[in-house]
Protein backbone atom coordinates (compact mmCIF):
# COMPACT_ATOMS: atom_id res chain seq x y z
CA MET A 1 -30.46 110.43 -79.36
CA THR A 2 -28.20 109.27 -76.51
CA GLU A 3 -25.88 110.96 -74.07
CA CYS A 4 -23.67 109.82 -71.22
CA HIS A 5 -24.56 112.61 -68.84
CA GLY A 6 -27.21 115.14 -68.08
CA GLY A 7 -26.87 118.69 -69.28
CA ASN A 8 -26.45 118.26 -73.05
CA ILE A 9 -28.86 121.01 -73.98
CA TYR A 10 -26.83 121.77 -77.10
CA LEU A 11 -27.60 118.47 -78.81
CA LEU A 12 -31.33 118.66 -78.12
CA ALA A 13 -31.58 122.33 -79.14
CA ALA A 14 -29.88 121.57 -82.46
CA CYS A 15 -32.17 118.57 -83.02
CA LEU A 16 -35.31 120.59 -82.37
CA GLY A 17 -34.06 123.71 -84.14
CA ILE A 18 -34.61 125.96 -81.15
CA ALA A 19 -32.41 128.19 -78.97
CA GLU A 20 -30.51 126.52 -76.12
CA ASN A 21 -32.30 128.69 -73.57
CA GLY A 22 -35.54 127.14 -74.75
CA ILE A 23 -34.56 123.77 -73.25
CA ILE A 24 -35.69 122.88 -69.72
CA ASP A 25 -32.98 120.61 -68.38
CA PHE A 26 -34.14 118.19 -65.70
CA SER A 27 -31.23 115.87 -66.49
CA ALA A 28 -28.68 118.03 -64.62
CA SER A 29 -29.20 118.61 -60.89
CA ILE A 30 -28.24 122.27 -60.72
CA ASN A 31 -29.53 124.88 -58.27
CA PRO A 32 -32.69 126.41 -59.81
CA LEU A 33 -31.86 129.79 -58.28
CA GLY A 34 -29.11 130.21 -60.86
CA VAL A 35 -25.73 131.87 -60.37
CA PRO A 36 -25.68 133.98 -57.18
CA VAL A 37 -25.92 137.73 -57.80
CA SER A 38 -22.81 138.19 -55.67
CA VAL A 39 -20.86 135.87 -57.97
CA ARG A 40 -22.08 137.63 -61.11
CA SER A 41 -20.86 140.93 -59.68
CA ALA A 42 -17.50 139.50 -58.62
CA ILE A 43 -16.91 138.04 -62.08
CA LYS A 44 -17.58 141.41 -63.72
CA GLU A 45 -15.27 143.15 -61.27
CA ASN A 46 -12.44 140.71 -61.96
CA LEU A 47 -12.46 140.50 -65.73
CA GLU A 48 -9.13 142.32 -65.83
CA CYS A 49 -7.50 139.35 -64.11
CA LEU A 50 -7.86 137.36 -67.33
CA PHE A 51 -4.68 139.05 -68.56
CA ASN A 52 -2.66 136.92 -66.14
CA TYR A 53 -2.35 133.18 -65.68
CA PRO A 54 -4.49 131.87 -62.84
CA ASP A 55 -2.86 130.91 -59.55
CA PRO A 56 -1.91 127.25 -60.18
CA ASP A 57 -2.24 126.50 -56.46
CA ALA A 58 -5.60 128.30 -56.08
CA LYS A 59 -4.31 129.49 -52.70
CA ARG A 60 -7.02 132.03 -51.92
CA LEU A 61 -9.75 129.60 -52.87
CA ARG A 62 -8.19 126.85 -50.76
CA LEU A 63 -7.96 129.20 -47.78
CA LYS A 64 -11.62 130.15 -48.19
CA ILE A 65 -12.68 126.49 -48.44
CA ALA A 66 -10.61 125.66 -45.36
CA GLU A 67 -12.26 128.50 -43.45
CA HIS A 68 -15.77 127.32 -44.30
CA VAL A 69 -15.23 123.60 -43.86
CA GLY A 70 -12.87 123.76 -40.87
CA ILE A 71 -9.93 121.84 -42.32
CA ASP A 72 -6.29 122.50 -43.16
CA ALA A 73 -5.91 124.38 -46.46
CA GLU A 74 -2.78 122.36 -47.23
CA SER A 75 -4.91 119.20 -47.50
CA ILE A 76 -7.00 120.68 -50.34
CA VAL A 77 -6.40 120.24 -54.06
CA CYS A 78 -8.73 122.22 -56.33
CA GLY A 79 -9.80 121.04 -59.76
CA ASN A 80 -11.88 121.74 -62.83
CA GLY A 81 -14.94 120.26 -61.17
CA SER A 82 -14.84 117.15 -59.03
CA THR A 83 -14.84 114.98 -62.17
CA GLU A 84 -11.32 116.10 -63.03
CA LEU A 85 -10.26 115.00 -59.56
CA ILE A 86 -11.81 111.55 -59.97
CA TYR A 87 -9.61 111.00 -63.03
CA LEU A 88 -6.60 112.61 -61.36
CA ILE A 89 -6.76 110.43 -58.26
CA THR A 90 -7.16 107.18 -60.17
CA ARG A 91 -4.31 108.17 -62.50
CA ALA A 92 -2.06 109.12 -59.60
CA LEU A 93 -2.80 106.18 -57.29
CA ARG A 94 -3.13 103.47 -59.99
CA PRO A 95 -5.52 101.07 -58.27
CA MET A 96 -5.70 97.50 -59.55
CA ASN A 97 -8.85 96.14 -57.87
CA VAL A 98 -11.68 98.66 -57.58
CA LEU A 99 -15.07 98.19 -55.94
CA ILE A 100 -17.95 100.35 -57.20
CA PRO A 101 -21.60 100.24 -56.07
CA ALA A 102 -24.26 99.79 -58.72
CA PRO A 103 -25.98 102.00 -59.57
CA THR A 104 -23.78 105.06 -59.07
CA PHE A 105 -22.01 107.88 -60.95
CA SER A 106 -20.56 106.50 -64.18
CA GLU A 107 -17.30 108.47 -64.13
CA TYR A 108 -15.79 106.23 -61.45
CA GLU A 109 -15.78 103.31 -63.86
CA ARG A 110 -14.63 105.42 -66.80
CA ALA A 111 -11.74 106.91 -64.83
CA CYS A 112 -10.58 103.47 -63.69
CA THR A 113 -10.77 101.89 -67.13
CA ARG A 114 -8.38 104.51 -68.52
CA SER A 115 -5.61 102.38 -66.99
CA GLN A 116 -4.87 98.92 -68.33
CA GLY A 117 -5.24 95.94 -66.06
CA VAL A 118 -7.73 97.50 -63.64
CA ASN A 119 -10.26 94.99 -62.35
CA ILE A 120 -13.67 96.44 -61.43
CA ALA A 121 -16.11 94.61 -59.16
CA TRP A 122 -19.69 95.86 -58.87
CA HIS A 123 -21.41 95.89 -55.50
CA ALA A 124 -25.11 95.57 -56.33
CA LEU A 125 -27.52 97.78 -54.40
CA LYS A 126 -31.00 96.32 -53.97
CA LYS A 127 -34.14 97.98 -55.24
CA GLU A 128 -36.06 96.39 -52.35
CA ALA A 129 -33.90 98.47 -49.97
CA CYS A 130 -34.35 101.62 -52.07
CA PHE A 131 -30.77 101.13 -53.28
CA ASP A 132 -29.45 101.87 -49.80
CA VAL A 133 -25.89 100.82 -48.92
CA ASP A 134 -25.63 98.07 -46.31
CA PRO A 135 -22.35 98.92 -44.52
CA GLU A 136 -21.65 95.36 -43.41
CA ALA A 137 -22.26 93.94 -46.88
CA LEU A 138 -20.02 96.60 -48.39
CA VAL A 139 -17.22 95.86 -45.94
CA ARG A 140 -17.43 92.18 -46.81
CA ALA A 141 -17.18 93.07 -50.49
CA MET A 142 -14.15 95.29 -49.77
CA ALA A 143 -12.50 92.27 -48.16
CA GLY A 144 -13.06 90.30 -51.36
CA GLU A 145 -16.12 88.29 -50.39
CA ASN A 146 -18.82 87.85 -53.05
CA SER A 147 -17.00 90.04 -55.58
CA LEU A 148 -14.69 89.67 -58.53
CA CYS A 149 -11.68 91.34 -56.94
CA ALA A 150 -10.09 90.13 -53.73
CA PRO A 151 -9.47 92.29 -51.84
CA CYS A 152 -9.96 95.74 -53.37
CA ASP A 153 -7.41 98.54 -53.13
CA MET A 154 -9.89 101.34 -53.95
CA VAL A 155 -13.62 101.81 -53.42
CA PHE A 156 -15.85 104.66 -54.56
CA LEU A 157 -18.88 105.87 -52.63
CA CYS A 158 -21.11 108.73 -53.72
CA ASN A 159 -22.92 110.27 -50.75
CA PRO A 160 -25.75 111.00 -51.28
CA ASN A 161 -25.64 108.58 -54.16
CA ASN A 162 -26.20 109.60 -57.76
CA PRO A 163 -28.70 108.71 -59.25
CA THR A 164 -30.61 107.23 -56.29
CA GLY A 165 -30.42 110.11 -53.81
CA MET A 166 -29.85 107.67 -50.93
CA LEU A 167 -27.68 108.86 -48.04
CA ILE A 168 -25.14 106.86 -46.05
CA LYS A 169 -25.30 108.10 -42.47
CA ARG A 170 -22.11 109.47 -40.96
CA ASP A 171 -21.76 106.63 -38.42
CA ASP A 172 -22.06 104.06 -41.19
CA MET A 173 -19.56 105.91 -43.35
CA LEU A 174 -17.07 106.06 -40.49
CA ARG A 175 -17.47 102.31 -40.03
CA ILE A 176 -16.71 101.81 -43.72
CA ALA A 177 -13.76 104.21 -43.54
CA GLY A 178 -12.35 102.31 -40.57
CA ALA A 179 -12.57 99.08 -42.54
CA ALA A 180 -10.81 100.74 -45.47
CA ALA A 181 -7.92 101.67 -43.20
CA ARG A 182 -7.69 98.11 -41.87
CA PHE A 183 -7.69 96.67 -45.38
CA LYS A 184 -5.31 99.38 -46.67
CA CYS A 185 -7.93 100.21 -49.30
CA MET A 186 -8.41 103.79 -50.52
CA LEU A 187 -11.96 105.00 -49.86
CA ILE A 188 -12.97 107.81 -52.24
CA VAL A 189 -16.10 109.52 -50.92
CA ASP A 190 -17.76 111.80 -53.45
CA GLU A 191 -19.77 114.42 -51.54
CA ALA A 192 -20.88 116.44 -54.58
CA PHE A 193 -24.41 116.80 -53.15
CA ILE A 194 -23.60 116.73 -49.42
CA ASP A 195 -24.69 120.36 -48.93
CA PHE A 196 -28.26 119.10 -48.62
CA CYS A 197 -27.31 116.81 -45.71
CA ALA A 198 -24.08 118.28 -44.34
CA ASP A 199 -24.24 116.40 -41.02
CA ALA A 200 -23.39 113.18 -42.87
CA SER A 201 -20.09 114.50 -44.22
CA VAL A 202 -16.81 112.81 -43.24
CA ILE A 203 -14.59 115.58 -44.60
CA ASP A 204 -13.25 116.30 -41.12
CA GLU A 205 -12.05 112.69 -40.77
CA VAL A 206 -9.52 112.76 -43.61
CA LYS A 207 -6.79 114.01 -41.27
CA ASN A 208 -7.30 110.94 -39.09
CA ASN A 209 -7.41 108.32 -41.84
CA PRO A 210 -4.62 107.89 -44.44
CA TYR A 211 -6.97 105.82 -46.60
CA LEU A 212 -9.82 108.36 -46.85
CA VAL A 213 -10.26 110.94 -49.64
CA VAL A 214 -13.27 113.27 -49.87
CA LEU A 215 -14.37 115.04 -53.05
CA ARG A 216 -16.58 118.11 -53.11
CA SER A 217 -18.19 120.21 -55.86
CA LEU A 218 -19.14 123.88 -55.91
CA THR A 219 -20.89 123.62 -59.26
CA LYS A 220 -24.14 121.97 -58.11
CA ILE A 221 -25.11 124.03 -55.08
CA TYR A 222 -23.97 127.36 -56.59
CA ALA A 223 -25.09 126.72 -60.20
CA LEU A 224 -21.56 127.13 -61.56
CA SER A 225 -21.46 124.17 -63.94
CA GLY A 226 -20.08 126.29 -66.79
CA LEU A 227 -17.09 127.38 -64.70
CA ARG A 228 -16.28 123.97 -63.16
CA ILE A 229 -15.02 124.11 -59.57
CA GLY A 230 -14.37 121.19 -57.28
CA TYR A 231 -11.87 120.12 -54.66
CA ALA A 232 -10.41 117.06 -53.00
CA VAL A 233 -9.38 116.73 -49.37
CA LEU A 234 -6.45 114.35 -49.14
CA PRO A 235 -4.42 112.76 -46.35
CA SER A 236 -0.93 114.23 -46.11
CA SER A 237 0.65 110.97 -47.31
CA LEU A 238 -1.02 111.34 -50.73
CA LEU A 239 -0.67 115.06 -51.38
CA ASP A 240 2.67 114.98 -53.22
CA THR A 241 1.71 111.98 -55.35
CA VAL A 242 -1.56 113.55 -56.48
CA LYS A 243 -0.11 117.03 -57.04
CA GLU A 244 2.70 115.62 -59.20
CA ALA A 245 0.12 113.97 -61.47
CA LYS A 246 -1.99 117.11 -61.84
CA GLU A 247 -1.92 119.39 -64.87
CA PRO A 248 -1.32 123.09 -64.11
CA TRP A 249 -3.90 125.88 -64.36
CA THR A 250 -7.00 123.69 -64.52
CA VAL A 251 -8.97 126.11 -62.31
CA ASN A 252 -9.25 129.40 -64.18
CA SER A 253 -9.11 132.82 -62.56
CA LEU A 254 -12.84 133.56 -62.76
CA ALA A 255 -13.68 130.14 -61.34
CA GLN A 256 -11.45 130.87 -58.35
CA VAL A 257 -13.11 134.26 -57.82
CA ALA A 258 -16.55 132.70 -58.19
CA GLY A 259 -15.78 129.98 -55.65
CA ILE A 260 -14.45 132.42 -53.06
CA THR A 261 -17.47 134.70 -53.45
CA ALA A 262 -20.05 131.91 -53.47
CA LEU A 263 -18.77 130.37 -50.25
CA ASP A 264 -19.39 133.66 -48.44
CA ASP A 265 -22.96 134.04 -49.74
CA ALA A 266 -24.82 132.50 -46.78
CA ALA A 267 -28.17 134.06 -47.76
CA TYR A 268 -28.10 132.33 -51.14
CA LYS A 269 -27.52 128.96 -49.54
CA THR A 270 -30.32 129.48 -47.01
CA GLU A 271 -32.75 130.40 -49.78
CA THR A 272 -31.61 127.36 -51.77
CA PHE A 273 -32.50 124.99 -48.95
CA ARG A 274 -35.91 126.62 -48.53
CA VAL A 275 -36.77 126.39 -52.23
CA ILE A 276 -35.50 122.84 -52.67
CA GLU A 277 -37.39 121.56 -49.63
CA GLU A 278 -40.63 123.18 -50.77
CA GLU A 279 -40.30 121.94 -54.34
CA LYS A 280 -39.38 118.41 -53.26
CA GLN A 281 -42.67 118.25 -51.41
CA ASN A 282 -44.52 119.50 -54.50
CA LEU A 283 -42.80 116.99 -56.77
CA GLU A 284 -43.41 114.07 -54.43
CA ALA A 285 -47.09 114.96 -54.27
CA GLY A 286 -47.16 115.16 -58.05
CA PHE A 287 -45.42 111.81 -58.51
CA ALA A 288 -47.87 110.18 -56.11
CA ARG A 289 -50.82 111.74 -57.91
CA LEU A 290 -49.59 110.36 -61.24
CA GLY A 291 -48.86 106.94 -59.78
CA ILE A 292 -45.13 107.24 -60.48
CA THR A 293 -42.76 105.22 -58.31
CA TYR A 294 -40.08 107.47 -56.82
CA PHE A 295 -37.29 106.66 -54.38
CA PRO A 296 -36.58 108.71 -51.23
CA SER A 297 -33.90 111.31 -51.91
CA SER A 298 -31.59 113.32 -49.67
CA ALA A 299 -30.46 115.42 -52.63
CA ASN A 300 -32.00 117.73 -55.24
CA TYR A 301 -33.02 114.99 -57.68
CA TYR A 302 -35.22 111.90 -57.80
CA LEU A 303 -34.89 108.46 -59.30
CA LEU A 304 -38.21 107.49 -60.87
CA GLN A 305 -39.40 104.15 -62.20
CA MET A 306 -42.16 103.74 -64.76
CA LYS A 307 -42.97 101.07 -67.32
CA LYS A 308 -43.07 103.57 -70.20
CA ALA A 309 -39.92 105.42 -69.18
CA GLN A 310 -38.32 105.38 -72.62
CA GLU A 311 -41.51 106.65 -74.25
CA VAL A 312 -41.77 109.40 -71.64
CA ILE A 313 -38.14 110.44 -72.18
CA SER A 314 -38.70 110.71 -75.94
CA CYS A 315 -42.01 112.51 -75.48
CA LEU A 316 -40.43 115.07 -73.14
CA ARG A 317 -37.52 115.65 -75.52
CA MET A 318 -39.87 116.55 -78.33
CA LYS A 319 -41.27 119.24 -76.01
CA GLY A 320 -37.81 120.61 -75.18
CA ILE A 321 -37.49 118.91 -71.78
CA LEU A 322 -34.47 116.78 -70.87
CA ALA A 323 -34.76 113.98 -68.32
CA ARG A 324 -31.90 111.62 -67.48
CA ASP A 325 -32.27 108.20 -69.06
CA CYS A 326 -30.80 105.85 -66.43
CA SER A 327 -30.71 102.72 -68.59
CA ASN A 328 -26.89 102.92 -68.89
CA PHE A 329 -26.32 102.84 -65.14
CA PRO A 330 -25.12 99.38 -64.03
CA GLY A 331 -27.89 97.94 -61.88
CA LEU A 332 -30.70 99.86 -63.60
CA ASP A 333 -32.67 99.29 -66.79
CA GLY A 334 -34.81 101.21 -69.24
CA THR A 335 -37.61 101.78 -66.75
CA TYR A 336 -35.64 104.33 -64.69
CA ILE A 337 -35.43 108.11 -65.06
CA ARG A 338 -33.70 110.74 -62.94
CA VAL A 339 -35.11 114.26 -62.71
CA ALA A 340 -33.75 117.31 -60.94
CA VAL A 341 -35.65 119.53 -58.53
CA LYS A 342 -36.12 122.83 -60.33
CA SER A 343 -38.26 125.95 -59.95
CA LYS A 344 -41.97 125.73 -59.17
CA LYS A 345 -42.85 126.77 -62.73
CA ASP A 346 -40.57 124.17 -64.31
CA ASN A 347 -41.65 121.42 -61.91
CA ILE A 348 -45.31 122.04 -62.72
CA ARG A 349 -44.45 121.90 -66.42
CA LEU A 350 -42.62 118.60 -65.93
CA LEU A 351 -45.54 116.97 -64.12
CA THR A 352 -48.02 118.30 -66.69
CA GLU A 353 -46.00 117.02 -69.63
CA ILE A 354 -45.36 113.61 -68.04
CA ALA A 355 -49.11 113.24 -67.54
CA ALA A 356 -49.68 114.24 -71.18
CA CYS A 357 -47.18 111.57 -72.26
CA GLY A 358 -49.53 108.94 -70.84
CA VAL A 359 -47.61 107.33 -67.97
């Protein structure tokens, strides 16, 4: 059984002959608190809005995002999750030479290869450095040194990176963004998990750099994966080009309501940070106790390495637990697994079952 992403509980449930809610999904890094109560209430209160088409411009949602992030609402384009926006931007801007770190989120490559003639160069991240990004090495690669494309016209960076959890500090990211402007290379910074390390964000710099685009997701931090909400912050020079390439009505009415409500739920976010921090400590202690190699993470997931990774993945699946097989990430092999940080109960179950699998 294989899958390209985490979160395919449907396939495993059908295979095991059990209900989907019987699957514990560590392959998708979603907030273990679940959908905020405030969002559940708002959705119920707005069911009547389904009679009408959703606002194609998502104006109220954009205004709410702008209020919370401190940017101009006109620079925001909302989408059906940030993944839609990855495809939209590559389709609209039509890059020819793209630089992508390895390992990182697979949709960057898939979005680029939808267009013919795109040349992708991989920038290898070193295990010895915990897969951290060396800004100077990356800038050299952007300029065409030691890579297959020379020079690149688009580069993707996931911060913190998926699946490694490594964070590029804000100063380093600004250095990279400055180089992108000098090279006239579009820098697409995917901040899907930046809520856990908000000080590193460069979202406020888009207005100062015509070659910087920042992507954000509301589905991870607010557990809204089934509704799909994301947004891009774009320099003014790109807004018309990207909007013209975008399909209408991709953000449905309930998703817009959910996003607006979630952004105002400060208590939920505070509790999220408390739970995630506590459970990360518990998981790290558990990994150490089991002798499992894990990499430092600034997000709500961990990249693990173990010799019997494939056996462990299969063993967990038979017990209704999904872990992310990372063997299809460029730069990784079959010894790597990614697991989310979930509730205390689920995390204890994961550690217990991994131990029973005989790591």
